Amino acid sequence: MLTNEAYKPINCDDYDNLELACQKNWTLSLELKNGDQIKAKAVDMVSRKNVEYLAVDLSGETREVRLDHIASFTHPELGTVVVSEE
């Protein structure tokens, strides 16, 4: 997905679940809208230039994923959450 596309905020409940995952350092299975799948530890929520990101630890490397690029995420405590826009 293009990084210069307009950011579309995600639903507040989905954001809160991602924030909780960061606080508890949960490993999430993420499915991105482009079909990529990532299994990584949630580290932090980052906001930069009105775009929000989930920072994850992927095999010791920090990667930032735009929240509006996440199609769904899964964790045993949350089940599978399909991300929706506000």
C-alpha atoms as a PDB file:
ATOM      1  CA  MET A   1       0.000   0.000   0.000  1.00  0.00           C
ATOM      2  CA  LEU A   2       1.148   3.494  -0.684  1.00  0.00           C
ATOM      3  CA  THR A   3       2.418   5.398   2.322  1.00  0.00           C
ATOM      4  CA  ASN A   4       1.252   8.787   0.982  1.00  0.00           C
ATOM      5  CA  GLU A   5      -2.429   7.783   0.944  1.00  0.00           C
ATOM      6  CA  ALA A   6      -4.765   9.595   3.338  1.00  0.00           C
ATOM      7  CA  TYR A   7      -4.809   8.011   6.792  1.00  0.00           C
ATOM      8  CA  LYS A   8      -8.168   6.615   7.910  1.00  0.00           C
ATOM      9  CA  PRO A   9      -8.411   6.292  11.718  1.00  0.00           C
ATOM     10  CA  ILE A  10      -9.469   2.898  13.040  1.00  0.00           C
ATOM     11  CA  ASN A  11     -12.336   2.190  15.436  1.00  0.00           C
ATOM     12  CA  CYS A  12     -11.580   3.257  19.045  1.00  0.00           C
ATOM     13  CA  ASP A  13     -12.248  -0.244  20.447  1.00  0.00           C
ATOM     14  CA  ASP A  14      -9.734  -1.752  18.021  1.00  0.00           C
ATOM     15  CA  TYR A  15      -7.198   0.940  18.965  1.00  0.00           C
ATOM     16  CA  ASP A  16      -7.761   0.188  22.672  1.00  0.00           C
ATOM     17  CA  ASN A  17      -7.163  -3.532  22.066  1.00  0.00           C
ATOM     18  CA  LEU A  18      -3.882  -2.776  20.295  1.00  0.00           C
ATOM     19  CA  GLU A  19      -2.883  -0.450  23.133  1.00  0.00           C
ATOM     20  CA  LEU A  20      -3.612  -3.228  25.643  1.00  0.00           C
ATOM     21  CA  ALA A  21      -1.489  -5.623  23.585  1.00  0.00           C
ATOM     22  CA  CYS A  22       1.408  -3.147  23.819  1.00  0.00           C
ATOM     23  CA  GLN A  23       1.015  -2.747  27.579  1.00  0.00           C
ATOM     24  CA  LYS A  24       1.088  -6.536  28.043  1.00  0.00           C
ATOM     25  CA  ASN A  25       3.786  -7.122  25.373  1.00  0.00           C
ATOM     26  CA  TRP A  26       1.542  -9.654  23.662  1.00  0.00           C
ATOM     27  CA  THR A  27       2.595 -11.418  20.501  1.00  0.00           C
ATOM     28  CA  LEU A  28      -0.031 -10.768  17.855  1.00  0.00           C
ATOM     29  CA  SER A  29      -0.759 -12.431  14.560  1.00  0.00           C
ATOM     30  CA  LEU A  30      -1.443  -9.546  12.191  1.00  0.00           C
ATOM     31  CA  GLU A  31      -3.058  -9.813   8.793  1.00  0.00           C
ATOM     32  CA  LEU A  32      -2.500  -6.763   6.631  1.00  0.00           C
ATOM     33  CA  LYS A  33      -4.878  -5.509   3.964  1.00  0.00           C
ATOM     34  CA  ASN A  34      -2.315  -6.360   1.269  1.00  0.00           C
ATOM     35  CA  GLY A  35      -2.419 -10.024   2.371  1.00  0.00           C
ATOM     36  CA  ASP A  36       0.864 -10.075   4.301  1.00  0.00           C
ATOM     37  CA  GLN A  37       0.848 -11.884   7.640  1.00  0.00           C
ATOM     38  CA  ILE A  38       3.112 -10.957  10.540  1.00  0.00           C
ATOM     39  CA  LYS A  39       3.557 -12.589  13.930  1.00  0.00           C
ATOM     40  CA  ALA A  40       5.284 -10.093  16.222  1.00  0.00           C
ATOM     41  CA  LYS A  41       5.307  -8.654  19.728  1.00  0.00           C
ATOM     42  CA  ALA A  42       3.323  -5.421  20.169  1.00  0.00           C
ATOM     43  CA  VAL A  43       5.654  -2.774  21.598  1.00  0.00           C
ATOM     44  CA  ASP A  44       4.169   0.719  21.283  1.00  0.00           C
ATOM     45  CA  MET A  45       1.603   2.940  19.602  1.00  0.00           C
ATOM     46  CA  VAL A  46       3.195   5.792  17.648  1.00  0.00           C
ATOM     47  CA  SER A  47       1.620   8.875  16.087  1.00  0.00           C
ATOM     48  CA  ARG A  48       3.550  10.846  13.507  1.00  0.00           C
ATOM     49  CA  LYS A  49       2.207  13.519  11.125  1.00  0.00           C
ATOM     50  CA  ASN A  50      -1.424  12.558  11.909  1.00  0.00           C
ATOM     51  CA  VAL A  51      -0.778   8.889  11.066  1.00  0.00           C
ATOM     52  CA  GLU A  52      -0.939   6.193  13.763  1.00  0.00           C
ATOM     53  CA  TYR A  53       1.318   3.146  13.802  1.00  0.00           C
ATOM     54  CA  LEU A  54       1.717  -0.044  15.809  1.00  0.00           C
ATOM     55  CA  ALA A  55       5.388  -0.606  16.616  1.00  0.00           C
ATOM     56  CA  VAL A  56       6.174  -4.317  16.766  1.00  0.00           C
ATOM     57  CA  ASP A  57       9.251  -6.364  17.575  1.00  0.00           C
ATOM     58  CA  LEU A  58       9.759  -8.713  14.651  1.00  0.00           C
ATOM     59  CA  SER A  59      12.681 -11.071  15.409  1.00  0.00           C
ATOM     60  CA  GLY A  60      14.552  -8.368  17.325  1.00  0.00           C
ATOM     61  CA  GLU A  61      13.877  -5.643  14.755  1.00  0.00           C
ATOM     62  CA  THR A  62      11.355  -2.858  15.351  1.00  0.00           C
ATOM     63  CA  ARG A  63       8.867  -2.347  12.548  1.00  0.00           C
ATOM     64  CA  GLU A  64       6.022   0.176  12.382  1.00  0.00           C
ATOM     65  CA  VAL A  65       2.726  -0.855  10.801  1.00  0.00           C
ATOM     66  CA  ARG A  66       0.127   1.757   9.875  1.00  0.00           C
ATOM     67  CA  LEU A  67      -3.047   1.017  11.806  1.00  0.00           C
ATOM     68  CA  ASP A  68      -5.225   1.507   8.741  1.00  0.00           C
ATOM     69  CA  HIS A  69      -3.197  -1.166   6.912  1.00  0.00           C
ATOM     70  CA  ILE A  70      -4.158  -3.839   9.470  1.00  0.00           C
ATOM     71  CA  ALA A  71      -7.094  -6.009   8.350  1.00  0.00           C
ATOM     72  CA  SER A  72      -7.216  -8.115  11.540  1.00  0.00           C
ATOM     73  CA  PHE A  73      -5.177  -9.221  14.541  1.00  0.00           C
ATOM     74  CA  THR A  74      -5.350 -12.274  16.765  1.00  0.00           C
ATOM     75  CA  HIS A  75      -4.318 -13.084  20.331  1.00  0.00           C
ATOM     76  CA  PRO A  76      -5.677 -15.800  22.687  1.00  0.00           C
ATOM     77  CA  GLU A  77      -6.929 -13.144  25.164  1.00  0.00           C
ATOM     78  CA  LEU A  78      -8.754 -11.173  22.441  1.00  0.00           C
ATOM     79  CA  GLY A  79      -9.659 -13.733  19.808  1.00  0.00           C
ATOM     80  CA  THR A  80      -9.600 -12.463  16.251  1.00  0.00           C
ATOM     81  CA  VAL A  81     -10.372  -8.768  15.856  1.00  0.00           C
ATOM     82  CA  VAL A  82     -11.349  -7.502  12.406  1.00  0.00           C
ATOM     83  CA  VAL A  83     -10.229  -3.891  12.262  1.00  0.00           C
ATOM     84  CA  SER A  84     -12.802  -1.373  11.134  1.00  0.00           C
ATOM     85  CA  GLU A  85     -12.520   2.302  10.373  1.00  0.00           C
ATOM     86  CA  GLU A  86     -14.125   4.979  12.537  1.00  0.00           C
END
